[in-house]
Amino acid sequence: MNNIAAITLNRHQGPALRGSGARTAALCGLSVLLLAIMIYSVGMGAAPVSPLDVLTIVLSRLGLINAQGVTALQETIVLNIRLPRVLLGALAGASLGVSGAALQGLFRNPLADPGLVGVSSGAALGAVAATWAGAALAGTFGGESLIYLTPLSAFASGGLTSWFVYRMATRQGRTDATMMILAGVAVNAVVSACIGILIYWSDDQQMRAIMFWMFGSLSGAMWTSLAPAIPFMLAPLAVCVFAGDALNLYVLGEREAAHTGVNVQRLKIALLATTALGVGAAVSLSGIIGFIGLAAPHLLRLIWGPDHRFVAPGSAIAGAALLLLSDIIARTWVSPAELPIGLVTSLLGGPFFLFLLVRHRRRVRC
């Protein structure tokens, strides 16, 4: 199976595949880069903390060393404010990146991203509805319940939307990728209209909260909401790593992949389910953040080729790094104010998307 997949990938697209040692070295290099970005991001802000102090505080909390030379204020800032934000950014970026790689491989469409199957827009509808009804629900369930209401509503709505799109595209046990794309487009249109109606009915305070959430932000990260979502955001990575060989064979087509021993229907269900879980959890906590799922896999393919055994974990690391770099720009560009991170990713991702369109058109002509 591995030899067949390698021959197919070399024949159809991208630079030549490299050995496992080169892939491991590249993943290690990306991981070191991501760690450096995370440390820098935790330390930057109105009260800067040096990278050495950041490491000291984190390692001391893990019980590996004794904290020396750091103040209680620095510990509070790092552990309670900045570290949850950075971890949310890394996990959300990883989930979006690997989900984009999975969907691009599954649909054999280089322009696919996690918003394709309606997860992002569905999660947005749930969060907007929760924000819009928050004042009434606070009187019934208590104000503290609203901390969990928005992410839970977003997660549930995103999952239901993805399930509906999947059911629309599945007939007699087979899922039509083209039908799924068309169903996703239709659902996104309906969901966008519903969100617009809720915004129209909102007051000024609700509208500000909804619009800021719609543009994406990591500023609301808290340990209480982040911890339960971690397994869901890591789910696409776990599945894609084990499904790398199957995705490589899927390049041949559904029928050919089935003849080589791939359970195509099970592969589709596993990838769609975990993508819905991961993206729904990420969007429920950070809002809508576009283009990460599109850009991260393509950057990996442009440099190292299309082998999903490398693209899947590499896209997770690259997605985390891209989202954290976007967050750094959002925090510093108009300091002391803060831009919504979704605006930054769209500003950077839009030209990249146009580049992919031009590149894809040239390939079709050739």
Protein backbone atom coordinates (compact mmCIF):
# COMPACT_ATOMS: atom_id res chain seq x y z
CA MET A 1 0.00 0.00 0.00
CA ASN A 2 2.74 2.46 0.90
CA ASN A 3 4.55 1.88 -2.42
CA ILE A 4 1.36 2.36 -4.42
CA ALA A 5 0.58 5.59 -2.56
CA ALA A 6 4.10 6.93 -3.04
CA ILE A 7 4.07 6.21 -6.79
CA THR A 8 0.68 7.88 -7.16
CA LEU A 9 1.67 10.99 -5.25
CA ASN A 10 4.92 11.39 -7.14
CA ARG A 11 3.09 11.03 -10.45
CA HIS A 12 0.23 13.41 -9.74
CA GLN A 13 1.52 16.40 -7.84
CA GLY A 14 4.16 18.20 -5.85
CA PRO A 15 7.88 17.69 -5.35
CA ALA A 16 9.34 14.25 -4.79
CA LEU A 17 8.60 12.55 -1.52
CA ARG A 18 11.36 12.47 1.01
CA GLY A 19 12.44 9.74 3.39
CA SER A 20 11.03 9.23 6.86
CA GLY A 21 14.17 10.75 8.36
CA ALA A 22 13.71 13.96 6.41
CA ARG A 23 10.03 14.12 7.43
CA THR A 24 10.90 13.58 11.07
CA ALA A 25 13.57 16.27 10.96
CA ALA A 26 11.16 18.69 9.30
CA LEU A 27 8.45 18.02 11.90
CA CYS A 28 10.96 18.52 14.70
CA GLY A 29 12.05 21.81 13.16
CA LEU A 30 8.45 22.99 12.88
CA SER A 31 7.82 21.97 16.49
CA VAL A 32 10.82 23.96 17.72
CA LEU A 33 9.61 26.98 15.73
CA LEU A 34 6.12 26.63 17.22
CA LEU A 35 7.52 26.38 20.75
CA ALA A 36 9.58 29.55 20.22
CA ILE A 37 6.50 31.40 18.95
CA MET A 38 4.47 30.22 21.94
CA ILE A 39 7.10 31.36 24.45
CA TYR A 40 7.41 34.75 22.77
CA SER A 41 3.63 35.16 22.63
CA VAL A 42 3.23 34.34 26.33
CA GLY A 43 5.89 36.89 27.26
CA MET A 44 4.74 39.82 25.14
CA GLY A 45 2.21 42.39 26.31
CA ALA A 46 1.77 45.51 28.43
CA ALA A 47 3.74 43.78 31.21
CA PRO A 48 6.48 41.93 29.27
CA VAL A 49 7.96 38.75 30.68
CA SER A 50 11.29 37.44 29.37
CA PRO A 51 11.39 34.03 27.65
CA LEU A 52 13.58 32.67 30.46
CA ASP A 53 11.06 33.79 33.08
CA VAL A 54 8.22 32.27 31.07
CA LEU A 55 10.00 28.92 31.00
CA THR A 56 10.82 29.20 34.71
CA ILE A 57 7.19 29.86 35.63
CA VAL A 58 5.78 27.04 33.47
CA LEU A 59 8.39 24.46 34.53
CA SER A 60 7.96 25.38 38.19
CA ARG A 61 4.21 24.88 37.91
CA LEU A 62 4.90 21.44 36.44
CA GLY A 63 7.11 20.68 39.45
CA LEU A 64 10.29 20.30 37.43
CA ILE A 65 12.22 23.22 38.94
CA ASN A 66 11.89 25.77 41.72
CA ALA A 67 10.77 29.23 40.63
CA GLN A 68 13.41 31.84 41.36
CA GLY A 69 13.67 35.45 40.23
CA VAL A 70 10.01 35.80 39.22
CA THR A 71 7.29 37.75 40.99
CA ALA A 72 3.80 36.65 41.99
CA LEU A 73 2.38 39.17 39.50
CA GLN A 74 4.37 37.63 36.65
CA GLU A 75 3.14 34.16 37.61
CA THR A 76 -0.46 35.37 37.64
CA ILE A 77 -0.13 37.06 34.26
CA VAL A 78 1.55 34.08 32.62
CA LEU A 79 -0.50 31.26 34.12
CA ASN A 80 -3.96 32.79 34.33
CA ILE A 81 -4.11 35.25 31.41
CA ARG A 82 -1.59 34.62 28.66
CA LEU A 83 -0.94 30.89 28.78
CA PRO A 84 -4.63 29.91 28.28
CA ARG A 85 -4.80 32.34 25.35
CA VAL A 86 -1.67 30.95 23.70
CA LEU A 87 -2.74 27.33 24.23
CA LEU A 88 -6.16 28.09 22.77
CA GLY A 89 -4.51 29.69 19.75
CA ALA A 90 -2.16 26.74 19.27
CA LEU A 91 -4.90 24.12 19.66
CA ALA A 92 -7.41 25.98 17.49
CA GLY A 93 -4.80 26.55 14.78
CA ALA A 94 -3.74 22.90 14.91
CA SER A 95 -7.33 21.72 14.65
CA LEU A 96 -8.11 24.03 11.73
CA GLY A 97 -4.87 23.16 9.94
CA VAL A 98 -5.16 19.39 10.14
CA SER A 99 -8.90 19.55 9.37
CA GLY A 100 -8.11 21.51 6.22
CA ALA A 101 -5.57 18.88 5.17
CA ALA A 102 -8.11 16.11 5.81
CA LEU A 103 -10.89 17.79 3.83
CA GLN A 104 -8.62 18.67 0.92
CA GLY A 105 -7.53 15.06 0.72
CA LEU A 106 -11.02 13.69 1.22
CA PHE A 107 -12.65 15.88 -1.44
CA ARG A 108 -9.53 15.82 -3.64
CA ASN A 109 -10.08 19.57 -3.87
CA PRO A 110 -7.12 21.88 -3.18
CA LEU A 111 -9.43 24.77 -2.27
CA ALA A 112 -11.41 22.96 0.45
CA ASP A 113 -11.29 24.18 4.04
CA PRO A 114 -13.16 23.45 7.31
CA GLY A 115 -15.93 25.91 6.45
CA LEU A 116 -16.82 23.78 3.45
CA VAL A 117 -19.08 21.35 5.32
CA GLY A 118 -20.78 24.06 7.33
CA VAL A 119 -19.03 23.48 10.66
CA SER A 120 -17.73 27.03 11.07
CA SER A 121 -20.94 28.75 10.03
CA GLY A 122 -23.06 26.34 12.06
CA ALA A 123 -20.97 26.96 15.16
CA ALA A 124 -21.26 30.69 14.52
CA LEU A 125 -25.04 30.44 14.44
CA GLY A 126 -25.09 28.65 17.80
CA ALA A 127 -22.79 31.20 19.42
CA VAL A 128 -24.71 34.17 17.99
CA ALA A 129 -28.02 32.69 19.15
CA ALA A 130 -26.59 32.15 22.64
CA THR A 131 -25.29 35.72 22.77
CA TRP A 132 -28.57 37.11 21.48
CA ALA A 133 -30.63 35.19 24.07
CA GLY A 134 -28.06 35.63 26.83
CA ALA A 135 -29.86 38.34 28.79
CA ALA A 136 -33.07 36.30 29.08
CA LEU A 137 -31.26 33.07 29.89
CA ALA A 138 -29.11 34.76 32.54
CA GLY A 139 -32.22 35.53 34.55
CA THR A 140 -33.35 31.92 34.36
CA PHE A 141 -30.11 29.97 34.78
CA GLY A 142 -27.82 32.54 36.38
CA GLY A 143 -25.12 34.77 34.92
CA GLU A 144 -22.31 32.24 35.39
CA SER A 145 -24.03 29.77 33.08
CA LEU A 146 -23.36 32.10 30.15
CA ILE A 147 -19.64 31.29 30.37
CA TYR A 148 -20.44 27.79 29.11
CA LEU A 149 -23.58 28.59 27.10
CA THR A 150 -21.87 30.13 24.08
CA PRO A 151 -19.23 27.42 23.50
CA LEU A 152 -21.73 24.62 24.13
CA SER A 153 -24.27 26.15 21.76
CA ALA A 154 -21.61 26.72 19.10
CA PHE A 155 -20.27 23.18 19.44
CA ALA A 156 -23.73 21.59 19.23
CA SER A 157 -24.83 23.74 16.31
CA GLY A 158 -21.63 23.08 14.36
CA GLY A 159 -21.95 19.35 14.88
CA LEU A 160 -25.60 19.31 13.81
CA THR A 161 -24.86 21.34 10.70
CA SER A 162 -22.05 19.00 9.70
CA TRP A 163 -24.25 15.96 10.32
CA PHE A 164 -27.04 17.44 8.19
CA VAL A 165 -24.67 18.12 5.29
CA TYR A 166 -23.31 14.60 5.55
CA ARG A 167 -26.79 13.06 5.52
CA MET A 168 -27.78 15.16 2.50
CA ALA A 169 -24.76 13.87 0.58
CA THR A 170 -25.09 10.20 1.61
CA ARG A 171 -27.34 7.75 -0.19
CA GLN A 172 -27.35 3.95 0.12
CA GLY A 173 -24.23 4.04 2.26
CA ARG A 174 -22.16 6.09 -0.20
CA THR A 175 -21.19 9.74 0.23
CA ASP A 176 -20.97 11.96 -2.84
CA ALA A 177 -18.20 14.53 -2.32
CA THR A 178 -19.63 16.90 -4.95
CA MET A 179 -23.07 16.77 -3.36
CA MET A 180 -21.50 17.46 0.01
CA ILE A 181 -19.79 20.59 -1.30
CA LEU A 182 -23.04 21.86 -2.83
CA ALA A 183 -24.97 21.08 0.35
CA GLY A 184 -22.33 22.91 2.38
CA VAL A 185 -22.66 25.99 0.18
CA ALA A 186 -26.45 25.97 0.57
CA VAL A 187 -26.29 25.48 4.34
CA ASN A 188 -23.72 28.26 4.70
CA ALA A 189 -26.04 30.62 2.84
CA VAL A 190 -29.02 29.78 5.05
CA VAL A 191 -26.96 30.03 8.23
CA SER A 192 -25.55 33.41 7.18
CA ALA A 193 -29.09 34.69 6.63
CA CYS A 194 -30.15 33.46 10.09
CA ILE A 195 -27.15 35.17 11.69
CA GLY A 196 -28.02 38.39 9.86
CA ILE A 197 -31.58 38.26 11.22
CA LEU A 198 -30.33 37.77 14.80
CA ILE A 199 -27.91 40.68 14.39
CA TYR A 200 -30.75 42.83 13.07
CA TRP A 201 -32.82 42.02 16.16
CA SER A 202 -29.94 42.70 18.57
CA ASP A 203 -29.38 45.80 20.66
CA ASP A 204 -26.11 47.76 20.57
CA GLN A 205 -24.42 45.76 23.32
CA GLN A 206 -25.41 42.41 21.83
CA MET A 207 -24.35 43.55 18.37
CA ARG A 208 -20.87 44.53 19.58
CA ALA A 209 -20.42 41.16 21.29
CA ILE A 210 -21.70 39.25 18.27
CA MET A 211 -19.58 41.12 15.73
CA PHE A 212 -16.42 40.80 17.82
CA TRP A 213 -17.03 37.06 18.17
CA MET A 214 -17.81 36.71 14.46
CA PHE A 215 -14.42 38.21 13.59
CA GLY A 216 -12.62 35.81 15.95
CA SER A 217 -10.68 36.43 19.13
CA LEU A 218 -8.56 34.56 21.66
CA SER A 219 -9.05 37.13 24.42
CA GLY A 220 -11.78 35.15 26.20
CA ALA A 221 -9.65 32.06 26.80
CA MET A 222 -10.03 30.53 30.27
CA TRP A 223 -8.85 27.25 31.75
CA THR A 224 -12.42 26.30 32.69
CA SER A 225 -13.65 26.42 29.09
CA LEU A 226 -10.39 25.33 27.42
CA ALA A 227 -9.76 22.08 29.30
CA PRO A 228 -12.95 20.22 28.24
CA ALA A 229 -12.41 21.20 24.59
CA ILE A 230 -8.82 19.94 24.28
CA PRO A 231 -9.70 16.29 23.41
CA PHE A 232 -12.12 17.44 20.71
CA MET A 233 -9.60 19.81 19.11
CA LEU A 234 -6.97 17.06 19.07
CA ALA A 235 -9.34 14.47 17.57
CA PRO A 236 -8.71 15.38 13.88
CA LEU A 237 -4.94 15.14 14.40
CA ALA A 238 -5.16 11.69 15.99
CA VAL A 239 -7.33 10.31 13.18
CA CYS A 240 -5.41 11.94 10.31
CA VAL A 241 -2.06 10.67 11.54
CA PHE A 242 -3.33 7.08 11.46
CA ALA A 243 -5.20 7.64 8.18
CA GLY A 244 -2.20 9.05 6.30
CA ASP A 245 -1.64 5.96 4.15
CA ALA A 246 -5.35 5.67 3.39
CA LEU A 247 -5.54 9.31 2.32
CA ASN A 248 -2.52 8.80 0.06
CA LEU A 249 -4.30 5.93 -1.65
CA TYR A 250 -7.52 7.95 -1.83
CA VAL A 251 -5.74 10.18 -4.38
CA LEU A 252 -6.29 7.34 -6.86
CA GLY A 253 -10.06 7.72 -6.49
CA GLU A 254 -12.69 6.03 -4.35
CA ARG A 255 -13.01 2.85 -6.40
CA GLU A 256 -9.27 2.38 -6.81
CA ALA A 257 -8.65 3.05 -3.10
CA ALA A 258 -11.30 0.47 -2.21
CA HIS A 259 -9.58 -2.10 -4.44
CA THR A 260 -6.32 -1.57 -2.52
CA GLY A 261 -8.04 -2.39 0.77
CA VAL A 262 -9.18 1.03 2.02
CA ASN A 263 -12.59 1.11 3.67
CA VAL A 264 -13.64 4.31 1.89
CA GLN A 265 -16.94 4.85 3.70
CA ARG A 266 -15.37 4.36 7.12
CA LEU A 267 -12.58 6.77 6.17
CA LYS A 268 -15.12 9.43 5.15
CA ILE A 269 -17.13 9.05 8.34
CA ALA A 270 -14.06 9.15 10.58
CA LEU A 271 -12.60 12.24 8.91
CA LEU A 272 -15.89 14.13 8.74
CA ALA A 273 -16.84 13.32 12.33
CA THR A 274 -13.50 14.30 13.83
CA THR A 275 -13.31 17.41 11.63
CA ALA A 276 -16.73 18.47 12.92
CA LEU A 277 -15.65 17.84 16.50
CA GLY A 278 -12.32 19.64 16.19
CA VAL A 279 -13.47 22.66 14.22
CA GLY A 280 -16.68 22.98 16.23
CA ALA A 281 -14.74 23.04 19.49
CA ALA A 282 -12.21 25.53 18.10
CA VAL A 283 -14.81 27.89 16.67
CA SER A 284 -16.90 27.67 19.84
CA LEU A 285 -14.02 29.15 21.86
CA SER A 286 -12.24 31.44 19.40
CA GLY A 287 -14.93 32.50 16.95
CA ILE A 288 -14.67 32.24 13.18
CA ILE A 289 -11.05 32.28 12.01
CA GLY A 290 -10.67 31.81 8.29
CA PHE A 291 -7.93 30.66 5.92
CA ILE A 292 -5.82 28.75 8.48
CA GLY A 293 -7.27 25.45 7.27
CA LEU A 294 -6.60 26.48 3.67
CA ALA A 295 -3.12 27.97 4.02
CA ALA A 296 -1.38 25.55 6.40
CA PRO A 297 -1.74 22.36 4.29
CA HIS A 298 -0.76 24.17 1.10
CA LEU A 299 2.38 25.61 2.63
CA LEU A 300 3.42 22.10 3.62
CA ARG A 301 2.64 20.69 0.17
CA LEU A 302 4.47 23.48 -1.64
CA ILE A 303 7.65 22.77 0.32
CA TRP A 304 7.63 19.03 1.07
CA GLY A 305 5.08 17.48 -1.26
CA PRO A 306 1.62 15.92 -0.80
CA ASP A 307 2.35 12.89 1.42
CA HIS A 308 -0.41 12.95 4.04
CA ARG A 309 1.79 11.08 6.52
CA PHE A 310 3.72 14.35 6.75
CA VAL A 311 1.06 16.87 5.70
CA ALA A 312 -1.39 15.90 8.47
CA PRO A 313 0.89 16.44 11.51
CA GLY A 314 2.78 19.20 9.70
CA SER A 315 -0.45 21.09 8.99
CA ALA A 316 -1.35 20.93 12.68
CA ILE A 317 1.97 22.48 13.68
CA ALA A 318 1.94 25.02 10.84
CA GLY A 319 -1.69 25.95 11.59
CA ALA A 320 -0.86 26.56 15.25
CA ALA A 321 2.15 28.69 14.30
CA LEU A 322 0.18 30.72 11.73
CA LEU A 323 -2.65 31.43 14.15
CA LEU A 324 -0.28 32.50 16.93
CA LEU A 325 1.64 34.76 14.54
CA SER A 326 -1.68 36.30 13.46
CA ASP A 327 -2.57 36.80 17.12
CA ILE A 328 0.75 38.57 17.74
CA ILE A 329 -0.02 40.93 14.84
CA ALA A 330 -3.55 41.49 16.15
CA ARG A 331 -2.21 42.40 19.61
CA THR A 332 0.54 44.74 18.42
CA TRP A 333 -0.70 46.37 15.21
CA VAL A 334 -2.98 48.95 16.88
CA SER A 335 -1.64 48.62 20.44
CA PRO A 336 -2.93 49.25 23.10
CA ALA A 337 -6.13 48.25 21.29
CA GLU A 338 -6.53 44.79 19.79
CA LEU A 339 -7.72 43.77 16.35
CA PRO A 340 -10.02 40.75 15.96
CA ILE A 341 -7.76 37.92 14.87
CA GLY A 342 -10.16 36.89 12.11
CA LEU A 343 -9.50 40.20 10.35
CA VAL A 344 -5.76 39.52 10.38
CA THR A 345 -6.09 35.96 9.04
CA SER A 346 -8.45 37.16 6.32
CA LEU A 347 -6.13 40.02 5.37
CA LEU A 348 -3.20 37.62 5.08
CA GLY A 349 -5.16 34.64 3.75
CA GLY A 350 -7.10 36.44 1.01
CA PRO A 351 -4.04 37.11 -1.19
CA PHE A 352 -2.83 33.56 -0.52
CA PHE A 353 -6.19 32.20 -1.67
CA LEU A 354 -5.95 34.25 -4.86
CA PHE A 355 -2.47 32.86 -5.41
CA LEU A 356 -3.84 29.32 -5.11
CA LEU A 357 -6.62 30.09 -7.58
CA VAL A 358 -4.16 31.43 -10.16
CA ARG A 359 -1.84 28.47 -9.61
CA HIS A 360 -4.72 26.01 -9.94
CA ARG A 361 -5.94 27.69 -13.16
CA ARG A 362 -2.50 27.46 -14.71
CA ARG A 363 -2.30 23.76 -13.85
CA VAL A 364 -5.70 23.14 -15.45
CA ARG A 365 -4.60 24.90 -18.63
CA CYS A 366 -1.44 22.83 -18.77
